[in-house]
């Protein structure tokens, strides 16, 4: 059995295994499938810019209504965690982001669908 990555950008949404993780993904955000095998496969999210400069800030979409845990640098040599459910709760200098998405029924009880964990790890290409 071959497991292929099910990560895509559809209608301005970042979708992972059928679950919307980010909404409002801009047109300059590109998705490149990873070359891993099986469950280790993933994708790289990149951004394109029109000019060269030393600092670029690219919004990648809106994170709302999903639980997350992140690690961020709060002092020069120290990192700590933060949890939340909205992208505005993400601190500057976030180094690692784990987003939990699961289906729920109208009563708020899980319907047996698997919980999907998505990891965002910022990488720089120079």
PDB file of N, CA and C in Angstrom:
ATOM      1  N   UNK A   1       0.842  -1.178   0.000  1.00  0.00           N
ATOM      2  CA  UNK A   1       0.000   0.000   0.000  1.00  0.00           C
ATOM      3  C   UNK A   1       0.883   1.235   0.000  1.00  0.00           C
ATOM      4  N   UNK A   2       0.589   2.165  -0.874  1.00  0.00           N
ATOM      5  CA  UNK A   2       1.334   3.415  -0.955  1.00  0.00           C
ATOM      6  C   UNK A   2       0.485   4.540  -0.379  1.00  0.00           C
ATOM      7  N   UNK A   3       1.070   5.263   0.554  1.00  0.00           N
ATOM      8  CA  UNK A   3       0.388   6.416   1.131  1.00  0.00           C
ATOM      9  C   UNK A   3       1.000   7.653   0.510  1.00  0.00           C
ATOM     10  N   UNK A   4       0.194   8.458  -0.137  1.00  0.00           N
ATOM     11  CA  UNK A   4       0.694   9.675  -0.775  1.00  0.00           C
ATOM     12  C   UNK A   4       0.254  10.881   0.038  1.00  0.00           C
ATOM     13  N   UNK A   5       1.016  11.959  -0.013  1.00  0.00           N
ATOM     14  CA  UNK A   5       0.618  13.141   0.745  1.00  0.00           C
ATOM     15  C   UNK A   5      -0.682  13.715   0.193  1.00  0.00           C
ATOM     16  N   UNK A   6      -1.558  14.043   1.081  1.00  0.00           N
ATOM     17  CA  UNK A   6      -2.843  14.619   0.683  1.00  0.00           C
ATOM     18  C   UNK A   6      -2.890  16.050   1.175  1.00  0.00           C
ATOM     19  N   UNK A   7      -1.990  16.843   0.653  1.00  0.00           N
ATOM     20  CA  UNK A   7      -1.873  18.239   1.039  1.00  0.00           C
ATOM     21  C   UNK A   7      -2.043  19.074  -0.218  1.00  0.00           C
ATOM     22  N   UNK A   8      -2.961  20.042  -0.167  1.00  0.00           N
ATOM     23  CA  UNK A   8      -3.207  20.849  -1.357  1.00  0.00           C
ATOM     24  C   UNK A   8      -3.716  22.229  -0.960  1.00  0.00           C
ATOM     25  N   UNK A   9      -3.665  23.124  -1.922  1.00  0.00           N
ATOM     26  CA  UNK A   9      -4.276  24.443  -1.775  1.00  0.00           C
ATOM     27  C   UNK A   9      -5.432  24.484  -2.757  1.00  0.00           C
ATOM     28  N   UNK A  10      -6.647  24.531  -2.230  1.00  0.00           N
ATOM     29  CA  UNK A  10      -7.868  24.554  -3.040  1.00  0.00           C
ATOM     30  C   UNK A  10      -8.738  25.720  -2.613  1.00  0.00           C
ATOM     31  N   UNK A  11      -9.158  26.540  -3.573  1.00  0.00           N
ATOM     32  CA  UNK A  11     -10.053  27.674  -3.290  1.00  0.00           C
ATOM     33  C   UNK A  11      -9.554  28.528  -2.124  1.00  0.00           C
ATOM     34  N   UNK A  12      -8.272  28.854  -2.148  1.00  0.00           N
ATOM     35  CA  UNK A  12      -7.617  29.678  -1.123  1.00  0.00           C
ATOM     36  C   UNK A  12      -7.613  29.035   0.254  1.00  0.00           C
ATOM     37  N   UNK A  13      -7.681  27.693   0.322  1.00  0.00           N
ATOM     38  CA  UNK A  13      -7.606  26.960   1.581  1.00  0.00           C
ATOM     39  C   UNK A  13      -6.466  25.961   1.517  1.00  0.00           C
ATOM     40  N   UNK A  14      -5.698  25.857   2.614  1.00  0.00           N
ATOM     41  CA  UNK A  14      -4.707  24.803   2.735  1.00  0.00           C
ATOM     42  C   UNK A  14      -5.424  23.611   3.353  1.00  0.00           C
ATOM     43  N   UNK A  15      -5.496  22.506   2.601  1.00  0.00           N
ATOM     44  CA  UNK A  15      -6.243  21.323   3.013  1.00  0.00           C
ATOM     45  C   UNK A  15      -5.267  20.170   3.228  1.00  0.00           C
ATOM     46  N   UNK A  16      -5.353  19.537   4.404  1.00  0.00           N
ATOM     47  CA  UNK A  16      -4.507  18.396   4.748  1.00  0.00           C
ATOM     48  C   UNK A  16      -5.425  17.225   5.067  1.00  0.00           C
ATOM     49  N   UNK A  17      -5.326  16.172   4.282  1.00  0.00           N
ATOM     50  CA  UNK A  17      -6.156  14.973   4.455  1.00  0.00           C
ATOM     51  C   UNK A  17      -7.636  15.324   4.572  1.00  0.00           C
ATOM     52  N   UNK A  18      -8.093  16.254   3.731  1.00  0.00           N
ATOM     53  CA  UNK A  18      -9.501  16.627   3.694  1.00  0.00           C
ATOM     54  C   UNK A  18      -9.941  17.617   4.752  1.00  0.00           C
ATOM     55  N   UNK A  19      -9.026  18.080   5.584  1.00  0.00           N
ATOM     56  CA  UNK A  19      -9.372  19.021   6.642  1.00  0.00           C
ATOM     57  C   UNK A  19      -8.722  20.377   6.351  1.00  0.00           C
ATOM     58  N   UNK A  20      -9.501  21.436   6.403  1.00  0.00           N
ATOM     59  CA  UNK A  20      -8.986  22.774   6.134  1.00  0.00           C
ATOM     60  C   UNK A  20      -8.194  23.259   7.335  1.00  0.00           C
ATOM     61  N   UNK A  21      -6.930  23.601   7.096  1.00  0.00           N
ATOM     62  CA  UNK A  21      -6.048  24.084   8.157  1.00  0.00           C
ATOM     63  C   UNK A  21      -5.950  25.609   8.112  1.00  0.00           C
ATOM     64  N   UNK A  22      -5.719  26.165   6.933  1.00  0.00           N
ATOM     65  CA  UNK A  22      -5.611  27.615   6.759  1.00  0.00           C
ATOM     66  C   UNK A  22      -6.631  28.072   5.723  1.00  0.00           C
ATOM     67  N   UNK A  23      -7.234  29.222   5.950  1.00  0.00           N
ATOM     68  CA  UNK A  23      -8.137  29.829   4.972  1.00  0.00           C
ATOM     69  C   UNK A  23      -7.500  31.126   4.473  1.00  0.00           C
ATOM     70  N   UNK A  24      -7.975  31.616   3.350  1.00  0.00           N
ATOM     71  CA  UNK A  24      -7.477  32.876   2.811  1.00  0.00           C
ATOM     72  C   UNK A  24      -6.018  32.826   2.388  1.00  0.00           C
ATOM     73  N   UNK A  25      -5.577  31.708   1.823  1.00  0.00           N
ATOM     74  CA  UNK A  25      -4.190  31.569   1.378  1.00  0.00           C
ATOM     75  C   UNK A  25      -3.987  32.444   0.143  1.00  0.00           C
ATOM     76  N   UNK A  26      -3.025  33.385   0.170  1.00  0.00           N
ATOM     77  CA  UNK A  26      -2.810  34.290  -0.966  1.00  0.00           C
ATOM     78  C   UNK A  26      -2.292  33.555  -2.211  1.00  0.00           C
ATOM     79  N   UNK A  27      -2.390  34.221  -3.363  1.00  0.00           N
ATOM     80  CA  UNK A  27      -1.961  33.639  -4.637  1.00  0.00           C
ATOM     81  C   UNK A  27      -0.449  33.452  -4.729  1.00  0.00           C
ATOM     82  N   UNK A  28       0.331  34.209  -3.960  1.00  0.00           N
ATOM     83  CA  UNK A  28       1.784  34.083  -4.054  1.00  0.00           C
ATOM     84  C   UNK A  28       2.333  32.916  -3.227  1.00  0.00           C
ATOM     85  N   UNK A  29       1.472  32.161  -2.579  1.00  0.00           N
ATOM     86  CA  UNK A  29       1.891  30.991  -1.806  1.00  0.00           C
ATOM     87  C   UNK A  29       1.836  29.770  -2.713  1.00  0.00           C
ATOM     88  N   UNK A  30       2.941  29.027  -2.767  1.00  0.00           N
ATOM     89  CA  UNK A  30       3.030  27.843  -3.617  1.00  0.00           C
ATOM     90  C   UNK A  30       3.277  26.612  -2.751  1.00  0.00           C
ATOM     91  N   UNK A  31       2.774  25.483  -3.207  1.00  0.00           N
ATOM     92  CA  UNK A  31       2.896  24.221  -2.490  1.00  0.00           C
ATOM     93  C   UNK A  31       3.700  23.259  -3.347  1.00  0.00           C
ATOM     94  N   UNK A  32       4.781  22.721  -2.793  1.00  0.00           N
ATOM     95  CA  UNK A  32       5.626  21.765  -3.496  1.00  0.00           C
ATOM     96  C   UNK A  32       5.617  20.459  -2.710  1.00  0.00           C
ATOM     97  N   UNK A  33       5.138  19.362  -3.300  1.00  0.00           N
ATOM     98  CA  UNK A  33       5.125  18.088  -2.579  1.00  0.00           C
ATOM     99  C   UNK A  33       6.532  17.649  -2.194  1.00  0.00           C
ATOM    100  N   UNK A  34       6.651  17.059  -1.016  1.00  0.00           N
ATOM    101  CA  UNK A  34       7.934  16.517  -0.574  1.00  0.00           C
ATOM    102  C   UNK A  34       8.243  15.234  -1.301  1.00  0.00           C
ATOM    103  N   UNK A  35       9.463  14.751  -1.159  1.00  0.00           N
ATOM    104  CA  UNK A  35       9.873  13.543  -1.857  1.00  0.00           C
ATOM    105  C   UNK A  35      10.004  12.365  -0.909  1.00  0.00           C
ATOM    106  N   UNK A  36       9.410  12.448   0.282  1.00  0.00           N
ATOM    107  CA  UNK A  36       9.484  11.358   1.248  1.00  0.00           C
ATOM    108  C   UNK A  36       8.662  10.168   0.803  1.00  0.00           C
ATOM    109  N   UNK A  37       8.739   9.103   1.583  1.00  0.00           N
ATOM    110  CA  UNK A  37       7.992   7.882   1.264  1.00  0.00           C
ATOM    111  C   UNK A  37       7.002   7.580   2.375  1.00  0.00           C
ATOM    112  N   UNK A  38       5.837   7.092   2.001  1.00  0.00           N
ATOM    113  CA  UNK A  38       4.847   6.651   2.973  1.00  0.00           C
ATOM    114  C   UNK A  38       4.347   7.768   3.861  1.00  0.00           C
ATOM    115  N   UNK A  39       4.219   7.490   5.142  1.00  0.00           N
ATOM    116  CA  UNK A  39       3.666   8.466   6.072  1.00  0.00           C
ATOM    117  C   UNK A  39       4.608   9.627   6.346  1.00  0.00           C
ATOM    118  N   UNK A  40       5.854   9.533   5.928  1.00  0.00           N
ATOM    119  CA  UNK A  40       6.803  10.613   6.157  1.00  0.00           C
ATOM    120  C   UNK A  40       6.702  11.699   5.101  1.00  0.00           C
ATOM    121  N   UNK A  41       5.893  11.492   4.088  1.00  0.00           N
ATOM    122  CA  UNK A  41       5.777  12.463   3.012  1.00  0.00           C
ATOM    123  C   UNK A  41       5.049  13.713   3.502  1.00  0.00           C
ATOM    124  N   UNK A  42       5.386  14.825   2.922  1.00  0.00           N
ATOM    125  CA  UNK A  42       4.763  16.088   3.294  1.00  0.00           C
ATOM    126  C   UNK A  42       4.868  17.051   2.136  1.00  0.00           C
ATOM    127  N   UNK A  43       4.867  18.316   2.451  1.00  0.00           N
ATOM    128  CA  UNK A  43       4.949  19.333   1.410  1.00  0.00           C
ATOM    129  C   UNK A  43       5.688  20.545   1.951  1.00  0.00           C
ATOM    130  N   UNK A  44       6.234  21.319   1.042  1.00  0.00           N
ATOM    131  CA  UNK A  44       6.871  22.577   1.383  1.00  0.00           C
ATOM    132  C   UNK A  44       5.956  23.706   0.943  1.00  0.00           C
ATOM    133  N   UNK A  45       5.729  24.643   1.829  1.00  0.00           N
ATOM    134  CA  UNK A  45       4.936  25.823   1.507  1.00  0.00           C
ATOM    135  C   UNK A  45       5.921  26.965   1.293  1.00  0.00           C
ATOM    136  N   UNK A  46       5.870  27.557   0.133  1.00  0.00           N
ATOM    137  CA  UNK A  46       6.779  28.647  -0.181  1.00  0.00           C
ATOM    138  C   UNK A  46       6.014  29.885  -0.604  1.00  0.00           C
ATOM    139  N   UNK A  47       6.744  30.971  -0.732  1.00  0.00           N
ATOM    140  CA  UNK A  47       6.150  32.236  -1.153  1.00  0.00           C
ATOM    141  C   UNK A  47       7.027  32.854  -2.222  1.00  0.00           C
ATOM    142  N   UNK A  48       6.394  33.523  -3.165  1.00  0.00           N
ATOM    143  CA  UNK A  48       7.130  34.214  -4.215  1.00  0.00           C
ATOM    144  C   UNK A  48       7.004  35.716  -3.991  1.00  0.00           C
ATOM    145  N   UNK A  49       8.105  36.420  -4.222  1.00  0.00           N
ATOM    146  CA  UNK A  49       8.123  37.865  -4.075  1.00  0.00           C
ATOM    147  C   UNK A  49       8.548  38.524  -5.368  1.00  0.00           C
ATOM    148  N   UNK A  50       8.161  39.766  -5.543  1.00  0.00           N
ATOM    149  CA  UNK A  50       8.461  40.450  -6.795  1.00  0.00           C
ATOM    150  C   UNK A  50       9.813  41.153  -6.788  1.00  0.00           C
ATOM    151  N   UNK A  51      10.393  41.367  -5.612  1.00  0.00           N
ATOM    152  CA  UNK A  51      11.682  42.053  -5.573  1.00  0.00           C
ATOM    153  C   UNK A  51      12.571  41.428  -4.509  1.00  0.00           C
ATOM    154  N   UNK A  52      13.852  41.728  -4.589  1.00  0.00           N
ATOM    155  CA  UNK A  52      14.823  41.215  -3.630  1.00  0.00           C
ATOM    156  C   UNK A  52      15.038  42.229  -2.524  1.00  0.00           C
ATOM    157  N   UNK A  53      14.951  41.764  -1.298  1.00  0.00           N
ATOM    158  CA  UNK A  53      15.285  42.609  -0.154  1.00  0.00           C
ATOM    159  C   UNK A  53      15.694  41.719   1.003  1.00  0.00           C
ATOM    160  N   UNK A  54      16.231  42.304   2.041  1.00  0.00           N
ATOM    161  CA  UNK A  54      16.782  41.518   3.139  1.00  0.00           C
ATOM    162  C   UNK A  54      15.722  40.971   4.081  1.00  0.00           C
ATOM    163  N   UNK A  55      14.517  41.519   4.055  1.00  0.00           N
ATOM    164  CA  UNK A  55      13.456  41.040   4.946  1.00  0.00           C
ATOM    165  C   UNK A  55      12.154  40.947   4.162  1.00  0.00           C
ATOM    166  N   UNK A  56      11.564  39.774   4.168  1.00  0.00           N
ATOM    167  CA  UNK A  56      10.263  39.561   3.544  1.00  0.00           C
ATOM    168  C   UNK A  56       9.299  39.058   4.613  1.00  0.00           C
ATOM    169  N   UNK A  57       8.084  39.547   4.586  1.00  0.00           N
ATOM    170  CA  UNK A  57       7.023  39.048   5.451  1.00  0.00           C
ATOM    171  C   UNK A  57       5.889  38.609   4.536  1.00  0.00           C
ATOM    172  N   UNK A  58       5.588  37.311   4.557  1.00  0.00           N
ATOM    173  CA  UNK A  58       4.562  36.747   3.694  1.00  0.00           C
ATOM    174  C   UNK A  58       3.461  36.132   4.546  1.00  0.00           C
ATOM    175  N   UNK A  59       2.256  36.662   4.515  1.00  0.00           N
ATOM    176  CA  UNK A  59       1.156  35.959   5.170  1.00  0.00           C
ATOM    177  C   UNK A  59       0.861  34.675   4.407  1.00  0.00           C
ATOM    178  N   UNK A  60       0.596  33.583   5.118  1.00  0.00           N
ATOM    179  CA  UNK A  60       0.326  32.305   4.458  1.00  0.00           C
ATOM    180  C   UNK A  60      -1.137  31.890   4.578  1.00  0.00           C
ATOM    181  N   UNK A  61      -1.938  32.637   5.300  1.00  0.00           N
ATOM    182  CA  UNK A  61      -3.352  32.302   5.458  1.00  0.00           C
ATOM    183  C   UNK A  61      -3.812  32.600   6.872  1.00  0.00           C
ATOM    184  N   UNK A  62      -5.053  32.230   7.153  1.00  0.00           N
ATOM    185  CA  UNK A  62      -5.666  32.498   8.451  1.00  0.00           C
ATOM    186  C   UNK A  62      -5.916  31.186   9.173  1.00  0.00           C
ATOM    187  N   UNK A  63      -5.481  31.127  10.427  1.00  0.00           N
ATOM    188  CA  UNK A  63      -5.690  29.966  11.286  1.00  0.00           C
ATOM    189  C   UNK A  63      -6.757  30.319  12.303  1.00  0.00           C
ATOM    190  N   UNK A  64      -7.915  29.651  12.240  1.00  0.00           N
ATOM    191  CA  UNK A  64      -9.010  29.934  13.167  1.00  0.00           C
ATOM    192  C   UNK A  64      -9.728  28.649  13.550  1.00  0.00           C
ATOM    193  N   UNK A  65     -10.063  28.532  14.826  1.00  0.00           N
ATOM    194  CA  UNK A  65     -10.916  27.453  15.295  1.00  0.00           C
ATOM    195  C   UNK A  65     -10.246  26.099  15.441  1.00  0.00           C
ATOM    196  N   UNK A  66      -8.940  26.023  15.270  1.00  0.00           N
ATOM    197  CA  UNK A  66      -8.217  24.772  15.454  1.00  0.00           C
ATOM    198  C   UNK A  66      -7.228  24.934  16.602  1.00  0.00           C
ATOM    199  N   UNK A  67      -7.143  23.918  17.433  1.00  0.00           N
ATOM    200  CA  UNK A  67      -6.191  23.985  18.543  1.00  0.00           C
ATOM    201  C   UNK A  67      -4.768  23.869  18.009  1.00  0.00           C
ATOM    202  N   UNK A  68      -3.860  24.621  18.614  1.00  0.00           N
ATOM    203  CA  UNK A  68      -2.465  24.516  18.225  1.00  0.00           C
ATOM    204  C   UNK A  68      -1.565  24.618  19.442  1.00  0.00           C
ATOM    205  N   UNK A  69      -0.356  24.142  19.271  1.00  0.00           N
ATOM    206  CA  UNK A  69       0.707  24.301  20.246  1.00  0.00           C
ATOM    207  C   UNK A  69       1.929  24.759  19.461  1.00  0.00           C
ATOM    208  N   UNK A  70       2.598  25.781  19.950  1.00  0.00           N
ATOM    209  CA  UNK A  70       3.783  26.265  19.252  1.00  0.00           C
ATOM    210  C   UNK A  70       4.927  26.456  20.230  1.00  0.00           C
ATOM    211  N   UNK A  71       6.116  26.456  19.693  1.00  0.00           N
ATOM    212  CA  UNK A  71       7.319  26.799  20.441  1.00  0.00           C
ATOM    213  C   UNK A  71       7.853  28.082  19.838  1.00  0.00           C
ATOM    214  N   UNK A  72       8.224  29.021  20.695  1.00  0.00           N
ATOM    215  CA  UNK A  72       8.732  30.287  20.190  1.00  0.00           C
ATOM    216  C   UNK A  72       9.882  30.768  21.066  1.00  0.00           C
ATOM    217  N   UNK A  73      10.726  31.588  20.450  1.00  0.00           N
ATOM    218  CA  UNK A  73      11.870  32.157  21.168  1.00  0.00           C
ATOM    219  C   UNK A  73      11.392  33.391  21.906  1.00  0.00           C
ATOM    220  N   UNK A  74      11.525  33.391  23.235  1.00  0.00           N
ATOM    221  CA  UNK A  74      11.092  34.555  24.000  1.00  0.00           C
ATOM    222  C   UNK A  74      12.269  35.318  24.589  1.00  0.00           C
ATOM    223  N   UNK A  75      13.436  34.724  24.621  1.00  0.00           N
ATOM    224  CA  UNK A  75      14.677  35.402  24.975  1.00  0.00           C
ATOM    225  C   UNK A  75      15.734  34.911  24.002  1.00  0.00           C
ATOM    226  N   UNK A  76      16.872  35.534  24.010  1.00  0.00           N
ATOM    227  CA  UNK A  76      17.893  35.220  23.024  1.00  0.00           C
ATOM    228  C   UNK A  76      18.214  33.733  22.965  1.00  0.00           C
ATOM    229  N   UNK A  77      18.312  33.069  24.122  1.00  0.00           N
ATOM    230  CA  UNK A  77      18.717  31.668  24.150  1.00  0.00           C
ATOM    231  C   UNK A  77      17.622  30.733  24.666  1.00  0.00           C
ATOM    232  N   UNK A  78      16.401  31.209  24.839  1.00  0.00           N
ATOM    233  CA  UNK A  78      15.363  30.392  25.452  1.00  0.00           C
ATOM    234  C   UNK A  78      14.115  30.319  24.588  1.00  0.00           C
ATOM    235  N   UNK A  79      13.488  29.140  24.599  1.00  0.00           N
ATOM    236  CA  UNK A  79      12.209  28.950  23.925  1.00  0.00           C
ATOM    237  C   UNK A  79      11.192  28.438  24.945  1.00  0.00           C
ATOM    238  N   UNK A  80       9.927  28.697  24.667  1.00  0.00           N
ATOM    239  CA  UNK A  80       8.851  28.188  25.508  1.00  0.00           C
ATOM    240  C   UNK A  80       7.648  27.890  24.621  1.00  0.00           C
ATOM    241  N   UNK A  81       6.626  27.314  25.202  1.00  0.00           N
ATOM    242  CA  UNK A  81       5.448  26.932  24.428  1.00  0.00           C
ATOM    243  C   UNK A  81       4.290  27.895  24.646  1.00  0.00           C
ATOM    244  N   UNK A  82       3.362  27.837  23.716  1.00  0.00           N
ATOM    245  CA  UNK A  82       2.086  28.550  23.852  1.00  0.00           C
ATOM    246  C   UNK A  82       1.025  27.728  23.137  1.00  0.00           C
ATOM    247  N   UNK A  83      -0.184  27.759  23.652  1.00  0.00           N
ATOM    248  CA  UNK A  83      -1.299  27.058  23.033  1.00  0.00           C
ATOM    249  C   UNK A  83      -2.407  28.046  22.749  1.00  0.00           C
ATOM    250  N   UNK A  84      -3.236  27.744  21.745  1.00  0.00           N
ATOM    251  CA  UNK A  84      -4.329  28.632  21.406  1.00  0.00           C
ATOM    252  C   UNK A  84      -5.210  28.036  20.334  1.00  0.00           C
ATOM    253  N   UNK A  85      -6.141  28.856  19.837  1.00  0.00           N
ATOM    254  CA  UNK A  85      -7.059  28.403  18.785  1.00  0.00           C
ATOM    255  C   UNK A  85      -7.190  29.419  17.655  1.00  0.00           C
ATOM    256  N   UNK A  86      -6.405  30.471  17.676  1.00  0.00           N
ATOM    257  CA  UNK A  86      -6.517  31.511  16.663  1.00  0.00           C
ATOM    258  C   UNK A  86      -5.116  31.968  16.264  1.00  0.00           C
ATOM    259  N   UNK A  87      -4.930  32.252  14.995  1.00  0.00           N
ATOM    260  CA  UNK A  87      -3.627  32.658  14.503  1.00  0.00           C
ATOM    261  C   UNK A  87      -3.072  33.904  15.165  1.00  0.00           C
ATOM    262  N   UNK A  88      -3.944  34.790  15.636  1.00  0.00           N
ATOM    263  CA  UNK A  88      -3.443  35.990  16.299  1.00  0.00           C
ATOM    264  C   UNK A  88      -2.772  35.672  17.630  1.00  0.00           C
ATOM    265  N   UNK A  89      -2.980  34.448  18.140  1.00  0.00           N
ATOM    266  CA  UNK A  89      -2.321  34.020  19.374  1.00  0.00           C
ATOM    267  C   UNK A  89      -0.893  33.532  19.140  1.00  0.00           C
ATOM    268  N   UNK A  90      -0.483  33.396  17.875  1.00  0.00           N
ATOM    269  CA  UNK A  90       0.873  32.950  17.579  1.00  0.00           C
ATOM    270  C   UNK A  90       1.860  34.080  17.850  1.00  0.00           C
ATOM    271  N   UNK A  91       2.869  33.828  18.658  1.00  0.00           N
ATOM    272  CA  UNK A  91       3.846  34.884  18.942  1.00  0.00           C
ATOM    273  C   UNK A  91       4.852  35.041  17.796  1.00  0.00           C
ATOM    274  N   UNK A  92       5.512  36.188  17.800  1.00  0.00           N
ATOM    275  CA  UNK A  92       6.617  36.391  16.872  1.00  0.00           C
ATOM    276  C   UNK A  92       7.707  35.375  17.180  1.00  0.00           C
ATOM    277  N   UNK A  93       8.509  35.080  16.218  1.00  0.00           N
ATOM    278  CA  UNK A  93       9.616  34.131  16.334  1.00  0.00           C
ATOM    279  C   UNK A  93       9.164  32.728  16.700  1.00  0.00           C
ATOM    280  N   UNK A  94       8.001  32.326  16.185  1.00  0.00           N
ATOM    281  CA  UNK A  94       7.560  30.942  16.360  1.00  0.00           C
ATOM    282  C   UNK A  94       8.492  30.038  15.564  1.00  0.00           C
ATOM    283  N   UNK A  95       8.997  28.993  16.218  1.00  0.00           N
ATOM    284  CA  UNK A  95       9.954  28.084  15.595  1.00  0.00           C
ATOM    285  C   UNK A  95       9.331  26.751  15.191  1.00  0.00           C
ATOM    286  N   UNK A  96       8.156  26.435  15.745  1.00  0.00           N
ATOM    287  CA  UNK A  96       7.511  25.150  15.511  1.00  0.00           C
ATOM    288  C   UNK A  96       6.029  25.319  15.794  1.00  0.00           C
ATOM    289  N   UNK A  97       5.179  24.790  14.921  1.00  0.00           N
ATOM    290  CA  UNK A  97       3.735  24.912  15.101  1.00  0.00           C
ATOM    291  C   UNK A  97       3.092  23.556  14.834  1.00  0.00           C
ATOM    292  N   UNK A  98       2.310  23.067  15.786  1.00  0.00           N
ATOM    293  CA  UNK A  98       1.576  21.820  15.665  1.00  0.00           C
ATOM    294  C   UNK A  98       0.093  22.152  15.744  1.00  0.00           C
ATOM    295  N   UNK A  99      -0.655  21.843  14.662  1.00  0.00           N
ATOM    296  CA  UNK A  99      -2.079  22.168  14.577  1.00  0.00           C
ATOM    297  C   UNK A  99      -2.871  20.870  14.621  1.00  0.00           C
ATOM    298  N   UNK A 100      -3.907  20.833  15.475  1.00  0.00           N
ATOM    299  CA  UNK A 100      -4.772  19.664  15.599  1.00  0.00           C
ATOM    300  C   UNK A 100      -6.090  19.943  14.891  1.00  0.00           C
ATOM    301  N   UNK A 101      -6.498  19.030  14.013  1.00  0.00           N
ATOM    302  CA  UNK A 101      -7.797  19.189  13.361  1.00  0.00           C
ATOM    303  C   UNK A 101      -8.524  17.859  13.430  1.00  0.00           C
ATOM    304  N   UNK A 102      -9.771  17.928  13.854  1.00  0.00           N
ATOM    305  CA  UNK A 102     -10.591  16.721  13.916  1.00  0.00           C
ATOM    306  C   UNK A 102     -12.022  17.086  13.615  1.00  0.00           C
ATOM    307  N   UNK A 103     -12.767  16.118  13.092  1.00  0.00           N
ATOM    308  CA  UNK A 103     -14.177  16.324  12.799  1.00  0.00           C
ATOM    309  C   UNK A 103     -14.981  16.156  14.074  1.00  0.00           C
ATOM    310  N   UNK A 104     -16.006  16.978  14.230  1.00  0.00           N
ATOM    311  CA  UNK A 104     -16.887  16.863  15.378  1.00  0.00           C
ATOM    312  C   UNK A 104     -18.318  16.880  14.895  1.00  0.00           C
ATOM    313  N   UNK A 105     -19.183  16.205  15.628  1.00  0.00           N
ATOM    314  CA  UNK A 105     -20.598  16.211  15.292  1.00  0.00           C
ATOM    315  C   UNK A 105     -21.225  17.478  15.850  1.00  0.00           C
ATOM    316  N   UNK A 106     -22.507  17.664  15.593  1.00  0.00           N
ATOM    317  CA  UNK A 106     -23.204  18.873  16.051  1.00  0.00           C
ATOM    318  C   UNK A 106     -23.195  18.992  17.565  1.00  0.00           C
ATOM    319  N   UNK A 107     -23.153  17.867  18.269  1.00  0.00           N
ATOM    320  CA  UNK A 107     -23.154  17.909  19.727  1.00  0.00           C
ATOM    321  C   UNK A 107     -21.756  18.168  20.294  1.00  0.00           C
ATOM    322  N   UNK A 108     -20.759  18.215  19.435  1.00  0.00           N
ATOM    323  CA  UNK A 108     -19.402  18.473  19.896  1.00  0.00           C
ATOM    324  C   UNK A 108     -18.622  17.209  20.220  1.00  0.00           C
ATOM    325  N   UNK A 109     -19.208  16.046  20.022  1.00  0.00           N
ATOM    326  CA  UNK A 109     -18.520  14.792  20.278  1.00  0.00           C
ATOM    327  C   UNK A 109     -17.794  14.338  19.019  1.00  0.00           C
ATOM    328  N   UNK A 110     -16.598  13.789  19.159  1.00  0.00           N
ATOM    329  CA  UNK A 110     -15.902  13.281  17.974  1.00  0.00           C
ATOM    330  C   UNK A 110     -16.730  12.199  17.290  1.00  0.00           C
ATOM    331  N   UNK A 111     -16.711  12.186  15.967  1.00  0.00           N
ATOM    332  CA  UNK A 111     -17.522  11.223  15.216  1.00  0.00           C
ATOM    333  C   UNK A 111     -16.736   9.993  14.789  1.00  0.00           C
ATOM    334  N   UNK A 112     -15.587   9.765  15.368  1.00  0.00           N
ATOM    335  CA  UNK A 112     -14.793   8.602  15.012  1.00  0.00           C
ATOM    336  C   UNK A 112     -13.774   8.871  13.922  1.00  0.00           C
ATOM    337  N   UNK A 113     -13.822  10.033  13.285  1.00  0.00           N
ATOM    338  CA  UNK A 113     -12.837  10.370  12.261  1.00  0.00           C
ATOM    339  C   UNK A 113     -11.485  10.593  12.929  1.00  0.00           C
ATOM    340  N   UNK A 114     -10.410  10.238  12.244  1.00  0.00           N
ATOM    341  CA  UNK A 114      -9.098  10.397  12.866  1.00  0.00           C
ATOM    342  C   UNK A 114      -8.733  11.867  13.063  1.00  0.00           C
ATOM    343  N   UNK A 115      -7.986  12.116  14.100  1.00  0.00           N
ATOM    344  CA  UNK A 115      -7.454  13.452  14.335  1.00  0.00           C
ATOM    345  C   UNK A 115      -6.208  13.615  13.482  1.00  0.00           C
ATOM    346  N   UNK A 116      -6.106  14.721  12.781  1.00  0.00           N
ATOM    347  CA  UNK A 116      -4.963  15.003  11.922  1.00  0.00           C
ATOM    348  C   UNK A 116      -4.108  16.064  12.598  1.00  0.00           C
ATOM    349  N   UNK A 117      -2.822  15.794  12.738  1.00  0.00           N
ATOM    350  CA  UNK A 117      -1.879  16.760  13.276  1.00  0.00           C
ATOM    351  C   UNK A 117      -1.006  17.244  12.130  1.00  0.00           C
ATOM    352  N   UNK A 118      -0.928  18.555  11.977  1.00  0.00           N
ATOM    353  CA  UNK A 118      -0.126  19.170  10.924  1.00  0.00           C
ATOM    354  C   UNK A 118       0.995  19.959  11.573  1.00  0.00           C
ATOM    355  N   UNK A 119       2.207  19.745  11.107  1.00  0.00           N
ATOM    356  CA  UNK A 119       3.380  20.432  11.648  1.00  0.00           C
ATOM    357  C   UNK A 119       3.849  21.476  10.651  1.00  0.00           C
ATOM    358  N   UNK A 120       4.055  22.697  11.133  1.00  0.00           N
ATOM    359  CA  UNK A 120       4.661  23.771  10.355  1.00  0.00           C
ATOM    360  C   UNK A 120       6.037  24.022  10.962  1.00  0.00           C
ATOM    361  N   UNK A 121       7.042  23.911  10.152  1.00  0.00           N
ATOM    362  CA  UNK A 121       8.416  24.139  10.598  1.00  0.00           C
ATOM    363  C   UNK A 121       9.049  25.141   9.648  1.00  0.00           C
ATOM    364  N   UNK A 122       9.341  26.359  10.115  1.00  0.00           N
ATOM    365  CA  UNK A 122       9.884  27.370   9.201  1.00  0.00           C
ATOM    366  C   UNK A 122      11.306  27.027   8.772  1.00  0.00           C
ATOM    367  N   UNK A 123      11.516  27.043   7.472  1.00  0.00           N
ATOM    368  CA  UNK A 123      12.829  26.817   6.878  1.00  0.00           C
ATOM    369  C   UNK A 123      13.136  27.977   5.950  1.00  0.00           C
ATOM    370  N   UNK A 124      14.379  28.349   5.870  1.00  0.00           N
ATOM    371  CA  UNK A 124      14.784  29.439   4.979  1.00  0.00           C
ATOM    372  C   UNK A 124      15.622  28.883   3.850  1.00  0.00           C
ATOM    373  N   UNK A 125      15.345  29.359   2.662  1.00  0.00           N
ATOM    374  CA  UNK A 125      16.134  28.985   1.496  1.00  0.00           C
ATOM    375  C   UNK A 125      16.860  30.230   1.028  1.00  0.00           C
ATOM    376  N   UNK A 126      18.148  30.154   0.899  1.00  0.00           N
ATOM    377  CA  UNK A 126      18.894  31.340   0.558  1.00  0.00           C
ATOM    378  C   UNK A 126      19.449  31.277  -0.769  1.00  0.00           C
TER     379      UNK A 126
END
